[in-house]
Amino acid sequence: METAPLDPSLPGVRMLQNWIREGLAVSIAILDQERIEGRLIWQDPEFLALERLGSTRPVLIARRHITLIRSID
């Protein structure tokens, strides 16, 4: 199965890119109702990389499991 490329003309993609540039903290809800908070550091067509407070390694979150992303700054 081939992944579609990330489309920068989509408003959601542009908003996430702005949040990445600004270093905003976000809260991400995933399918099992878990919430993960941190700072987005990059995105690609399949994953978001989130840096959690106090962690030296990012957490990768599959886009297909995300139900909500909101800024908390």
C-alpha atoms as a PDB file:
ATOM      1  CA  MET A   1       0.000   0.000   0.000  1.00  0.00           C
ATOM      2  CA  GLU A   2       1.432   3.348  -1.055  1.00  0.00           C
ATOM      3  CA  THR A   3       1.095   6.471   1.080  1.00  0.00           C
ATOM      4  CA  ALA A   4      -0.201   9.678  -0.485  1.00  0.00           C
ATOM      5  CA  PRO A   5       2.259  12.580  -0.254  1.00  0.00           C
ATOM      6  CA  LEU A   6       1.712  15.287   2.341  1.00  0.00           C
ATOM      7  CA  ASP A   7      -0.322  18.037   0.658  1.00  0.00           C
ATOM      8  CA  PRO A   8       0.829  21.480   1.896  1.00  0.00           C
ATOM      9  CA  SER A   9      -2.202  23.132   0.273  1.00  0.00           C
ATOM     10  CA  LEU A  10      -4.473  21.596   2.947  1.00  0.00           C
ATOM     11  CA  PRO A  11      -5.278  23.951   5.844  1.00  0.00           C
ATOM     12  CA  GLY A  12      -4.677  21.281   8.498  1.00  0.00           C
ATOM     13  CA  VAL A  13      -1.206  20.526   7.157  1.00  0.00           C
ATOM     14  CA  ARG A  14      -0.363  24.240   7.068  1.00  0.00           C
ATOM     15  CA  MET A  15      -1.650  24.763  10.624  1.00  0.00           C
ATOM     16  CA  LEU A  16       0.455  21.889  11.965  1.00  0.00           C
ATOM     17  CA  GLN A  17       3.506  23.290  10.146  1.00  0.00           C
ATOM     18  CA  ASN A  18       2.900  26.671  11.814  1.00  0.00           C
ATOM     19  CA  TRP A  19       2.619  24.998  15.225  1.00  0.00           C
ATOM     20  CA  ILE A  20       5.877  23.128  14.545  1.00  0.00           C
ATOM     21  CA  ARG A  21       7.658  26.373  13.567  1.00  0.00           C
ATOM     22  CA  GLU A  22       6.276  28.197  16.620  1.00  0.00           C
ATOM     23  CA  GLY A  23       7.120  25.326  18.982  1.00  0.00           C
ATOM     24  CA  LEU A  24       3.578  25.267  20.398  1.00  0.00           C
ATOM     25  CA  ALA A  25       2.623  22.576  22.870  1.00  0.00           C
ATOM     26  CA  VAL A  26      -0.204  20.318  21.703  1.00  0.00           C
ATOM     27  CA  SER A  27      -2.507  17.688  23.108  1.00  0.00           C
ATOM     28  CA  ILE A  28      -3.171  14.720  20.828  1.00  0.00           C
ATOM     29  CA  ALA A  29      -6.027  12.294  21.472  1.00  0.00           C
ATOM     30  CA  ILE A  30      -5.743   8.834  19.984  1.00  0.00           C
ATOM     31  CA  LEU A  31      -8.314   6.119  19.331  1.00  0.00           C
ATOM     32  CA  ASP A  32      -8.063   4.413  22.733  1.00  0.00           C
ATOM     33  CA  GLN A  33      -8.928   7.741  24.456  1.00  0.00           C
ATOM     34  CA  GLU A  34      -5.321   8.291  25.578  1.00  0.00           C
ATOM     35  CA  ARG A  35      -4.037  11.870  25.415  1.00  0.00           C
ATOM     36  CA  ILE A  36      -0.418  12.661  24.710  1.00  0.00           C
ATOM     37  CA  GLU A  37       0.995  16.143  25.280  1.00  0.00           C
ATOM     38  CA  GLY A  38       4.186  17.686  24.011  1.00  0.00           C
ATOM     39  CA  ARG A  39       5.680  19.736  21.201  1.00  0.00           C
ATOM     40  CA  LEU A  40       5.366  18.681  17.564  1.00  0.00           C
ATOM     41  CA  ILE A  41       8.768  18.487  15.886  1.00  0.00           C
ATOM     42  CA  TRP A  42       7.872  17.146  12.426  1.00  0.00           C
ATOM     43  CA  GLN A  43       5.149  15.541  10.341  1.00  0.00           C
ATOM     44  CA  ASP A  44       5.063  13.257   7.349  1.00  0.00           C
ATOM     45  CA  PRO A  45       2.179  11.561   5.507  1.00  0.00           C
ATOM     46  CA  GLU A  46       1.980   8.716   8.062  1.00  0.00           C
ATOM     47  CA  PHE A  47       3.315   9.994  11.392  1.00  0.00           C
ATOM     48  CA  LEU A  48       3.626  12.984  13.701  1.00  0.00           C
ATOM     49  CA  ALA A  49       6.720  13.233  15.903  1.00  0.00           C
ATOM     50  CA  LEU A  50       6.004  14.586  19.370  1.00  0.00           C
ATOM     51  CA  GLU A  51       8.627  15.613  21.911  1.00  0.00           C
ATOM     52  CA  ARG A  52       7.298  15.053  25.426  1.00  0.00           C
ATOM     53  CA  LEU A  53       8.408  17.198  28.352  1.00  0.00           C
ATOM     54  CA  GLY A  54      11.531  15.738  29.931  1.00  0.00           C
ATOM     55  CA  SER A  55      12.093  13.188  27.170  1.00  0.00           C
ATOM     56  CA  THR A  56      15.117  13.099  24.886  1.00  0.00           C
ATOM     57  CA  ARG A  57      13.491  10.968  22.193  1.00  0.00           C
ATOM     58  CA  PRO A  58      10.356  11.745  20.200  1.00  0.00           C
ATOM     59  CA  VAL A  59       7.192   9.660  20.248  1.00  0.00           C
ATOM     60  CA  LEU A  60       5.864   8.739  16.790  1.00  0.00           C
ATOM     61  CA  ILE A  61       2.084   8.804  16.469  1.00  0.00           C
ATOM     62  CA  ALA A  62       0.365   7.242  13.462  1.00  0.00           C
ATOM     63  CA  ARG A  63      -1.998   9.732  11.832  1.00  0.00           C
ATOM     64  CA  ARG A  64      -4.632   7.022  11.326  1.00  0.00           C
ATOM     65  CA  HIS A  65      -4.942   6.656  15.140  1.00  0.00           C
ATOM     66  CA  ILE A  66      -5.394  10.374  15.893  1.00  0.00           C
ATOM     67  CA  THR A  67      -8.869  11.665  16.746  1.00  0.00           C
ATOM     68  CA  LEU A  68      -8.019  15.217  17.914  1.00  0.00           C
ATOM     69  CA  ILE A  69      -5.084  17.641  17.899  1.00  0.00           C
ATOM     70  CA  ARG A  70      -5.296  20.942  19.760  1.00  0.00           C
ATOM     71  CA  SER A  71      -2.777  23.539  20.856  1.00  0.00           C
ATOM     72  CA  ILE A  72      -2.463  24.050  24.601  1.00  0.00           C
ATOM     73  CA  ASP A  73      -0.355  27.225  24.588  1.00  0.00           C
END
